[in-house]
C-alpha atoms as a PDB file:
ATOM      1  CA  MET A   1     297.523 349.764  48.041  1.00  0.00           C
ATOM      2  CA  VAL A   2     300.418 349.480  45.592  1.00  0.00           C
ATOM      3  CA  LEU A   3     300.527 346.155  43.726  1.00  0.00           C
ATOM      4  CA  ALA A   4     304.302 345.878  44.072  1.00  0.00           C
ATOM      5  CA  ASN A   5     304.022 346.121  47.863  1.00  0.00           C
ATOM      6  CA  ILE A   6     301.427 343.349  47.984  1.00  0.00           C
ATOM      7  CA  ILE A   7     303.552 341.030  45.847  1.00  0.00           C
ATOM      8  CA  ALA A   8     306.649 341.853  47.906  1.00  0.00           C
ATOM      9  CA  HIS A   9     304.743 340.956  51.080  1.00  0.00           C
ATOM     10  CA  LEU A  10     303.517 337.656  49.609  1.00  0.00           C
ATOM     11  CA  ASP A  11     306.992 336.750  48.358  1.00  0.00           C
ATOM     12  CA  ASP A  12     308.485 337.531  51.757  1.00  0.00           C
ATOM     13  CA  LEU A  13     305.792 335.535  53.562  1.00  0.00           C
ATOM     14  CA  LEU A  14     305.818 332.452  51.336  1.00  0.00           C
ATOM     15  CA  SER A  15     309.498 332.292  50.261  1.00  0.00           C
ATOM     16  CA  PRO A  16     308.855 330.850  46.788  1.00  0.00           C
ATOM     17  CA  HIS A  17     312.599 330.739  46.063  1.00  0.00           C
ATOM     18  CA  ALA A  18     312.882 327.851  48.550  1.00  0.00           C
ATOM     19  CA  PHE A  19     310.792 325.497  46.390  1.00  0.00           C
ATOM     20  CA  SER A  20     311.437 323.595  43.187  1.00  0.00           C
ATOM     21  CA  ASP A  21     307.929 323.985  41.794  1.00  0.00           C
ATOM     22  CA  TYR A  22     306.005 322.951  38.699  1.00  0.00           C
ATOM     23  CA  GLY A  23     305.581 326.536  37.510  1.00  0.00           C
ATOM     24  CA  PRO A  24     306.371 330.155  38.401  1.00  0.00           C
ATOM     25  CA  ASN A  25     305.235 331.580  41.726  1.00  0.00           C
ATOM     26  CA  GLY A  26     304.438 335.239  42.278  1.00  0.00           C
ATOM     27  CA  LEU A  27     303.083 337.813  39.850  1.00  0.00           C
ATOM     28  CA  GLN A  28     302.222 336.118  36.544  1.00  0.00           C
ATOM     29  CA  VAL A  29     300.292 338.896  34.799  1.00  0.00           C
ATOM     30  CA  PRO A  30     300.797 342.584  35.690  1.00  0.00           C
ATOM     31  CA  GLY A  31     297.722 344.594  36.600  1.00  0.00           C
ATOM     32  CA  PRO A  32     296.960 348.127  37.754  1.00  0.00           C
ATOM     33  CA  GLU A  33     299.532 349.817  39.952  1.00  0.00           C
ATOM     34  CA  ARG A  34     297.034 350.330  42.749  1.00  0.00           C
ATOM     35  CA  VAL A  35     294.908 347.526  44.188  1.00  0.00           C
ATOM     36  CA  GLU A  36     291.615 348.053  45.968  1.00  0.00           C
ATOM     37  CA  THR A  37     289.938 344.661  45.452  1.00  0.00           C
ATOM     38  CA  VAL A  38     291.585 341.235  45.599  1.00  0.00           C
ATOM     39  CA  VAL A  39     289.679 338.181  44.398  1.00  0.00           C
ATOM     40  CA  THR A  40     291.002 334.788  45.448  1.00  0.00           C
ATOM     41  CA  GLY A  41     290.249 331.408  43.901  1.00  0.00           C
ATOM     42  CA  VAL A  42     291.829 327.983  43.648  1.00  0.00           C
ATOM     43  CA  SER A  43     292.569 327.711  39.928  1.00  0.00           C
ATOM     44  CA  ALA A  44     292.994 330.179  37.080  1.00  0.00           C
ATOM     45  CA  SER A  45     290.130 329.828  34.605  1.00  0.00           C
ATOM     46  CA  ALA A  46     287.926 331.934  32.355  1.00  0.00           C
ATOM     47  CA  GLU A  47     285.000 331.503  34.762  1.00  0.00           C
ATOM     48  CA  LEU A  48     287.060 332.705  37.712  1.00  0.00           C
ATOM     49  CA  PHE A  49     288.286 335.734  35.763  1.00  0.00           C
ATOM     50  CA  GLU A  50     284.777 336.611  34.551  1.00  0.00           C
ATOM     51  CA  ARG A  51     283.423 336.482  38.089  1.00  0.00           C
ATOM     52  CA  ALA A  52     286.435 338.384  39.410  1.00  0.00           C
ATOM     53  CA  ALA A  53     285.681 341.148  36.914  1.00  0.00           C
ATOM     54  CA  GLU A  54     282.098 341.286  38.203  1.00  0.00           C
ATOM     55  CA  HIS A  55     283.532 341.998  41.660  1.00  0.00           C
ATOM     56  CA  GLY A  56     285.770 344.740  40.285  1.00  0.00           C
ATOM     57  CA  ALA A  57     289.001 342.877  40.996  1.00  0.00           C
ATOM     58  CA  ASP A  58     292.329 344.590  40.521  1.00  0.00           C
ATOM     59  CA  LEU A  59     294.278 341.462  41.469  1.00  0.00           C
ATOM     60  CA  VAL A  60     293.319 337.794  41.200  1.00  0.00           C
ATOM     61  CA  LEU A  61     295.256 335.550  43.579  1.00  0.00           C
ATOM     62  CA  VAL A  62     295.208 331.793  42.958  1.00  0.00           C
ATOM     63  CA  HIS A  63     296.855 328.535  43.975  1.00  0.00           C
ATOM     64  CA  HIS A  64     297.011 327.115  40.437  1.00  0.00           C
ATOM     65  CA  GLY A  65     298.203 329.750  37.979  1.00  0.00           C
ATOM     66  CA  LEU A  66     298.224 330.039  34.197  1.00  0.00           C
ATOM     67  CA  PHE A  67     301.745 328.873  33.493  1.00  0.00           C
ATOM     68  CA  TRP A  68     303.276 325.463  34.170  1.00  0.00           C
ATOM     69  CA  SER A  69     306.510 323.704  33.334  1.00  0.00           C
ATOM     70  CA  GLY A  70     306.180 321.583  30.216  1.00  0.00           C
ATOM     71  CA  ALA A  71     303.247 323.612  28.884  1.00  0.00           C
ATOM     72  CA  PRO A  72     303.110 324.288  25.115  1.00  0.00           C
ATOM     73  CA  PRO A  73     305.503 327.111  24.164  1.00  0.00           C
ATOM     74  CA  ALA A  74     302.789 328.791  22.069  1.00  0.00           C
ATOM     75  CA  LEU A  75     299.527 330.150  23.479  1.00  0.00           C
ATOM     76  CA  THR A  76     296.412 328.073  22.883  1.00  0.00           C
ATOM     77  CA  HIS A  77     292.959 329.565  22.299  1.00  0.00           C
ATOM     78  CA  VAL A  78     292.123 328.703  25.929  1.00  0.00           C
ATOM     79  CA  ALA A  79     295.134 330.612  27.241  1.00  0.00           C
ATOM     80  CA  LYS A  80     294.358 333.510  24.888  1.00  0.00           C
ATOM     81  CA  ARG A  81     290.813 333.849  26.227  1.00  0.00           C
ATOM     82  CA  ARG A  82     291.984 333.743  29.826  1.00  0.00           C
ATOM     83  CA  LEU A  83     294.646 336.374  29.219  1.00  0.00           C
ATOM     84  CA  GLN A  84     292.206 338.510  27.214  1.00  0.00           C
ATOM     85  CA  LEU A  85     289.834 338.608  30.173  1.00  0.00           C
ATOM     86  CA  LEU A  86     292.651 339.820  32.423  1.00  0.00           C
ATOM     87  CA  PHE A  87     293.737 342.446  29.891  1.00  0.00           C
ATOM     88  CA  ASP A  88     290.214 343.654  29.062  1.00  0.00           C
ATOM     89  CA  HIS A  89     289.361 344.175  32.725  1.00  0.00           C
ATOM     90  CA  ASP A  90     292.834 345.380  33.759  1.00  0.00           C
ATOM     91  CA  MET A  91     293.299 342.657  36.362  1.00  0.00           C
ATOM     92  CA  GLY A  92     296.624 341.289  37.564  1.00  0.00           C
ATOM     93  CA  LEU A  93     297.217 337.626  38.364  1.00  0.00           C
ATOM     94  CA  ALA A  94     299.432 336.155  41.075  1.00  0.00           C
ATOM     95  CA  ALA A  95     299.843 332.466  41.918  1.00  0.00           C
ATOM     96  CA  TYR A  96     301.503 330.562  44.749  1.00  0.00           C
ATOM     97  CA  HIS A  97     301.565 326.781  44.516  1.00  0.00           C
ATOM     98  CA  LEU A  98     303.841 324.649  46.724  1.00  0.00           C
ATOM     99  CA  PRO A  99     304.779 327.629  48.943  1.00  0.00           C
ATOM    100  CA  LEU A 100     301.102 327.956  49.819  1.00  0.00           C
ATOM    101  CA  ASP A 101     300.756 324.249  50.540  1.00  0.00           C
ATOM    102  CA  ALA A 102     303.715 324.352  52.889  1.00  0.00           C
ATOM    103  CA  HIS A 103     303.311 327.524  54.937  1.00  0.00           C
ATOM    104  CA  PRO A 104     302.878 326.779  58.673  1.00  0.00           C
ATOM    105  CA  GLU A 105     300.186 329.436  59.193  1.00  0.00           C
ATOM    106  CA  VAL A 106     298.313 330.173  55.954  1.00  0.00           C
ATOM    107  CA  GLY A 107     299.208 326.958  54.131  1.00  0.00           C
ATOM    108  CA  ASN A 108     296.592 324.498  52.927  1.00  0.00           C
ATOM    109  CA  ASN A 109     297.997 321.643  54.990  1.00  0.00           C
ATOM    110  CA  ALA A 110     298.405 323.548  58.244  1.00  0.00           C
ATOM    111  CA  LEU A 111     294.849 324.845  57.933  1.00  0.00           C
ATOM    112  CA  LEU A 112     293.549 321.352  57.187  1.00  0.00           C
ATOM    113  CA  ALA A 113     295.262 320.044  60.327  1.00  0.00           C
ATOM    114  CA  GLU A 114     293.774 322.823  62.418  1.00  0.00           C
ATOM    115  CA  GLY A 115     290.349 322.318  60.861  1.00  0.00           C
ATOM    116  CA  LEU A 116     290.455 318.617  61.698  1.00  0.00           C
ATOM    117  CA  GLY A 117     291.112 319.482  65.328  1.00  0.00           C
ATOM    118  CA  CYS A 118     294.758 318.482  65.546  1.00  0.00           C
ATOM    119  CA  ALA A 119     296.400 319.693  68.727  1.00  0.00           C
ATOM    120  CA  GLY A 120     299.563 320.532  66.799  1.00  0.00           C
ATOM    121  CA  HIS A 121     301.423 319.840  63.591  1.00  0.00           C
ATOM    122  CA  GLU A 122     304.936 319.772  62.202  1.00  0.00           C
ATOM    123  CA  PRO A 123     306.472 319.791  58.701  1.00  0.00           C
ATOM    124  CA  PHE A 124     306.193 316.556  56.728  1.00  0.00           C
ATOM    125  CA  ALA A 125     306.428 315.257  53.145  1.00  0.00           C
ATOM    126  CA  VAL A 126     309.583 316.158  51.246  1.00  0.00           C
ATOM    127  CA  HIS A 127     309.444 317.372  47.654  1.00  0.00           C
ATOM    128  CA  GLU A 128     312.735 318.231  45.977  1.00  0.00           C
ATOM    129  CA  GLY A 129     314.349 319.011  49.322  1.00  0.00           C
ATOM    130  CA  ALA A 130     311.513 321.080  50.809  1.00  0.00           C
ATOM    131  CA  THR A 131     308.664 319.949  53.055  1.00  0.00           C
ATOM    132  CA  ILE A 132     305.217 320.685  51.654  1.00  0.00           C
ATOM    133  CA  GLY A 133     302.820 318.895  54.031  1.00  0.00           C
ATOM    134  CA  VAL A 134     302.252 318.527  57.748  1.00  0.00           C
ATOM    135  CA  ALA A 135     302.021 315.728  60.279  1.00  0.00           C
ATOM    136  CA  GLY A 136     299.209 316.400  62.723  1.00  0.00           C
ATOM    137  CA  ARG A 137     298.569 314.883  66.118  1.00  0.00           C
ATOM    138  CA  PHE A 138     295.313 314.558  68.000  1.00  0.00           C
ATOM    139  CA  ALA A 139     295.230 315.274  71.711  1.00  0.00           C
ATOM    140  CA  GLY A 140     294.578 312.773  74.471  1.00  0.00           C
ATOM    141  CA  ASP A 141     293.513 309.320  73.404  1.00  0.00           C
ATOM    142  CA  GLY A 142     293.070 310.310  69.749  1.00  0.00           C
ATOM    143  CA  ILE A 143     289.921 309.845  67.675  1.00  0.00           C
ATOM    144  CA  THR A 144     288.180 306.950  65.951  1.00  0.00           C
ATOM    145  CA  PRO A 145     288.484 306.373  62.197  1.00  0.00           C
ATOM    146  CA  SER A 146     284.773 307.113  61.751  1.00  0.00           C
ATOM    147  CA  ASP A 147     285.207 310.397  63.621  1.00  0.00           C
ATOM    148  CA  LEU A 148     288.104 311.277  61.319  1.00  0.00           C
ATOM    149  CA  VAL A 149     285.937 310.649  58.259  1.00  0.00           C
ATOM    150  CA  ALA A 150     283.185 312.819  59.748  1.00  0.00           C
ATOM    151  CA  ARG A 151     285.633 315.633  60.443  1.00  0.00           C
ATOM    152  CA  VAL A 152     287.024 315.515  56.911  1.00  0.00           C
ATOM    153  CA  ARG A 153     283.484 315.561  55.510  1.00  0.00           C
ATOM    154  CA  ALA A 154     282.501 318.558  57.635  1.00  0.00           C
ATOM    155  CA  LEU A 155     285.695 320.476  56.878  1.00  0.00           C
ATOM    156  CA  THR A 156     285.783 320.016  53.104  1.00  0.00           C
ATOM    157  CA  GLY A 157     282.101 319.630  52.322  1.00  0.00           C
ATOM    158  CA  ARG A 158     282.905 316.400  50.476  1.00  0.00           C
ATOM    159  CA  GLU A 159     282.340 312.728  51.170  1.00  0.00           C
ATOM    160  CA  PRO A 160     285.932 311.499  51.218  1.00  0.00           C
ATOM    161  CA  LEU A 161     287.111 308.340  49.554  1.00  0.00           C
ATOM    162  CA  ALA A 162     288.250 306.378  52.591  1.00  0.00           C
ATOM    163  CA  PHE A 163     290.140 303.122  52.945  1.00  0.00           C
ATOM    164  CA  LEU A 164     290.028 302.488  56.676  1.00  0.00           C
ATOM    165  CA  ALA A 165     292.882 300.046  56.974  1.00  0.00           C
ATOM    166  CA  GLY A 166     294.651 301.405  60.039  1.00  0.00           C
ATOM    167  CA  PRO A 167     294.408 301.091  63.817  1.00  0.00           C
ATOM    168  CA  PRO A 168     291.187 301.549  65.829  1.00  0.00           C
ATOM    169  CA  VAL A 169     292.471 304.830  67.274  1.00  0.00           C
ATOM    170  CA  VAL A 170     293.953 307.658  65.185  1.00  0.00           C
ATOM    171  CA  ARG A 171     296.558 309.724  66.996  1.00  0.00           C
ATOM    172  CA  THR A 172     298.675 310.957  64.079  1.00  0.00           C
ATOM    173  CA  ILE A 173     297.905 311.905  60.495  1.00  0.00           C
ATOM    174  CA  GLY A 174     300.010 312.906  57.505  1.00  0.00           C
ATOM    175  CA  ILE A 175     298.407 315.600  55.348  1.00  0.00           C
ATOM    176  CA  VAL A 176     299.369 316.620  51.808  1.00  0.00           C
ATOM    177  CA  SER A 177     296.651 318.545  49.972  1.00  0.00           C
ATOM    178  CA  GLY A 178     295.956 318.264  46.255  1.00  0.00           C
ATOM    179  CA  ALA A 179     297.702 315.464  44.362  1.00  0.00           C
ATOM    180  CA  GLY A 180     299.675 314.093  47.291  1.00  0.00           C
ATOM    181  CA  ALA A 181     299.044 310.350  47.030  1.00  0.00           C
ATOM    182  CA  ASP A 182     302.730 309.683  46.389  1.00  0.00           C
ATOM    183  CA  HIS A 183     303.459 310.586  50.010  1.00  0.00           C
ATOM    184  CA  LEU A 184     301.388 307.716  51.462  1.00  0.00           C
ATOM    185  CA  GLY A 185     304.481 305.545  51.861  1.00  0.00           C
ATOM    186  CA  GLU A 186     306.383 308.368  53.533  1.00  0.00           C
ATOM    187  CA  SER A 187     303.504 308.815  55.963  1.00  0.00           C
ATOM    188  CA  ALA A 188     303.421 305.103  56.777  1.00  0.00           C
ATOM    189  CA  ALA A 189     307.193 305.063  57.274  1.00  0.00           C
ATOM    190  CA  ALA A 190     306.834 307.932  59.735  1.00  0.00           C
ATOM    191  CA  GLY A 191     304.421 305.820  61.787  1.00  0.00           C
ATOM    192  CA  HIS A 192     301.282 307.839  61.096  1.00  0.00           C
ATOM    193  CA  ASP A 193     297.949 306.175  61.752  1.00  0.00           C
ATOM    194  CA  ALA A 194     296.255 307.942  58.840  1.00  0.00           C
ATOM    195  CA  PHE A 195     297.087 309.841  55.675  1.00  0.00           C
ATOM    196  CA  MET A 196     294.949 312.448  53.923  1.00  0.00           C
ATOM    197  CA  THR A 197     295.282 314.027  50.496  1.00  0.00           C
ATOM    198  CA  GLY A 198     293.079 315.418  47.752  1.00  0.00           C
ATOM    199  CA  GLU A 199     293.370 313.095  44.745  1.00  0.00           C
ATOM    200  CA  PRO A 200     293.750 309.325  45.091  1.00  0.00           C
ATOM    201  CA  ALA A 201     295.776 307.076  42.797  1.00  0.00           C
ATOM    202  CA  GLU A 202     294.845 303.558  41.695  1.00  0.00           C
ATOM    203  CA  ARG A 203     297.569 301.975  43.805  1.00  0.00           C
ATOM    204  CA  VAL A 204     296.621 303.536  47.146  1.00  0.00           C
ATOM    205  CA  MET A 205     293.924 301.062  48.208  1.00  0.00           C
ATOM    206  CA  THR A 206     296.227 298.059  48.369  1.00  0.00           C
ATOM    207  CA  HIS A 207     299.153 300.173  49.545  1.00  0.00           C
ATOM    208  CA  ALA A 208     297.158 301.517  52.501  1.00  0.00           C
ATOM    209  CA  ARG A 209     295.913 298.046  53.415  1.00  0.00           C
ATOM    210  CA  GLU A 210     299.374 296.545  53.286  1.00  0.00           C
ATOM    211  CA  GLU A 211     300.863 299.396  55.323  1.00  0.00           C
ATOM    212  CA  GLY A 212     298.013 299.289  57.853  1.00  0.00           C
ATOM    213  CA  VAL A 213     297.237 302.997  57.434  1.00  0.00           C
ATOM    214  CA  HIS A 214     293.918 304.790  57.000  1.00  0.00           C
ATOM    215  CA  PHE A 215     293.794 306.631  53.647  1.00  0.00           C
ATOM    216  CA  LEU A 216     291.432 309.498  52.869  1.00  0.00           C
ATOM    217  CA  ALA A 217     291.090 311.524  49.661  1.00  0.00           C
ATOM    218  CA  ALA A 218     288.778 314.521  49.953  1.00  0.00           C
ATOM    219  CA  GLY A 219     289.256 316.166  46.550  1.00  0.00           C
ATOM    220  CA  HIS A 220     292.102 318.148  45.012  1.00  0.00           C
ATOM    221  CA  TYR A 221     290.018 321.312  44.814  1.00  0.00           C
ATOM    222  CA  ALA A 222     288.269 320.848  48.150  1.00  0.00           C
ATOM    223  CA  THR A 223     291.531 320.463  50.077  1.00  0.00           C
ATOM    224  CA  GLU A 224     293.043 323.588  48.511  1.00  0.00           C
ATOM    225  CA  THR A 225     290.477 326.329  49.109  1.00  0.00           C
ATOM    226  CA  PHE A 226     291.922 327.161  52.507  1.00  0.00           C
ATOM    227  CA  GLY A 227     295.264 328.749  51.685  1.00  0.00           C
ATOM    228  CA  VAL A 228     294.180 331.324  49.103  1.00  0.00           C
ATOM    229  CA  ARG A 229     291.228 332.335  51.263  1.00  0.00           C
ATOM    230  CA  ALA A 230     293.555 332.846  54.235  1.00  0.00           C
ATOM    231  CA  LEU A 231     295.953 334.860  52.069  1.00  0.00           C
ATOM    232  CA  GLY A 232     293.124 337.111  50.928  1.00  0.00           C
ATOM    233  CA  GLU A 233     291.986 337.672  54.498  1.00  0.00           C
ATOM    234  CA  ARG A 234     295.561 338.475  55.483  1.00  0.00           C
ATOM    235  CA  LEU A 235     295.899 341.050  52.705  1.00  0.00           C
ATOM    236  CA  ALA A 236     292.592 342.637  53.698  1.00  0.00           C
ATOM    237  CA  ALA A 237     293.698 342.960  57.328  1.00  0.00           C
ATOM    238  CA  ARG A 238     297.200 344.197  56.526  1.00  0.00           C
ATOM    239  CA  PHE A 239     296.600 346.510  53.579  1.00  0.00           C
ATOM    240  CA  GLY A 240     292.933 347.444  53.883  1.00  0.00           C
ATOM    241  CA  VAL A 241     291.992 345.994  50.501  1.00  0.00           C
ATOM    242  CA  ARG A 242     288.620 344.414  49.827  1.00  0.00           C
ATOM    243  CA  HIS A 243     288.764 340.616  49.575  1.00  0.00           C
ATOM    244  CA  VAL A 244     286.311 338.281  47.862  1.00  0.00           C
ATOM    245  CA  PHE A 245     286.793 334.512  47.625  1.00  0.00           C
ATOM    246  CA  VAL A 246     285.186 333.121  44.470  1.00  0.00           C
ATOM    247  CA  ASP A 247     284.231 329.454  44.623  1.00  0.00           C
ATOM    248  CA  VAL A 248     284.356 327.624  41.280  1.00  0.00           C
ATOM    249  CA  PRO A 249     283.620 324.083  42.513  1.00  0.00           C
ATOM    250  CA  ASN A 250     285.467 321.161  40.979  1.00  0.00           C
ATOM    251  CA  PRO A 251     284.527 317.565  41.889  1.00  0.00           C
ATOM    252  CA  ILE A 252     288.104 316.352  41.350  1.00  0.00           C
END
């Protein structure tokens, strides 16, 4: 499959132009014109690129790319090594950040809501004029806080940091993967019973208690494996490419 067609499909699907992001979305490093193997991973790193090369990747697709706003204008030795691996093995690199958090089907937050057993979800959590998270709702009488913790644990493979300061029944939950702790107040204002993100912040314990909302943090990395994996599976089904998800675990 032609690389340009894959990138065009991803851009059309994820609409990166609609987001004010922290770095560029889309193709970051050109690769071979034709793509047979796509490796997906959460974050660009030398280890990911080395393992992608072992799988014969033509394109590496990640959530966290190489380039970010405010980064040093000159390449560091770390950036040089990462780029050298891509060049030496003729691999392209594409990254989609907030667009992949926000998408209602293949987005991290929509997939988290579905994985937790929510009966439905709707857009939530505004960043620079665009929604990036979801608000999920549980069917029937809802679930208990302990059940919610168990579901998060099973879904992410992590023991979440949990401040169970909300009601005895959870019917609604705000979800913002990654570093979404700033949206706790927005979730409380929306009347959610619980809020889930990846990374906590020091202030969230008292904030959650004072708002009367359950707060769960299940890991930045662990909450953001879902979107890139779903994108890879979509590309495999649509274009007939081989897809391999490479897990480079990160406890944060």
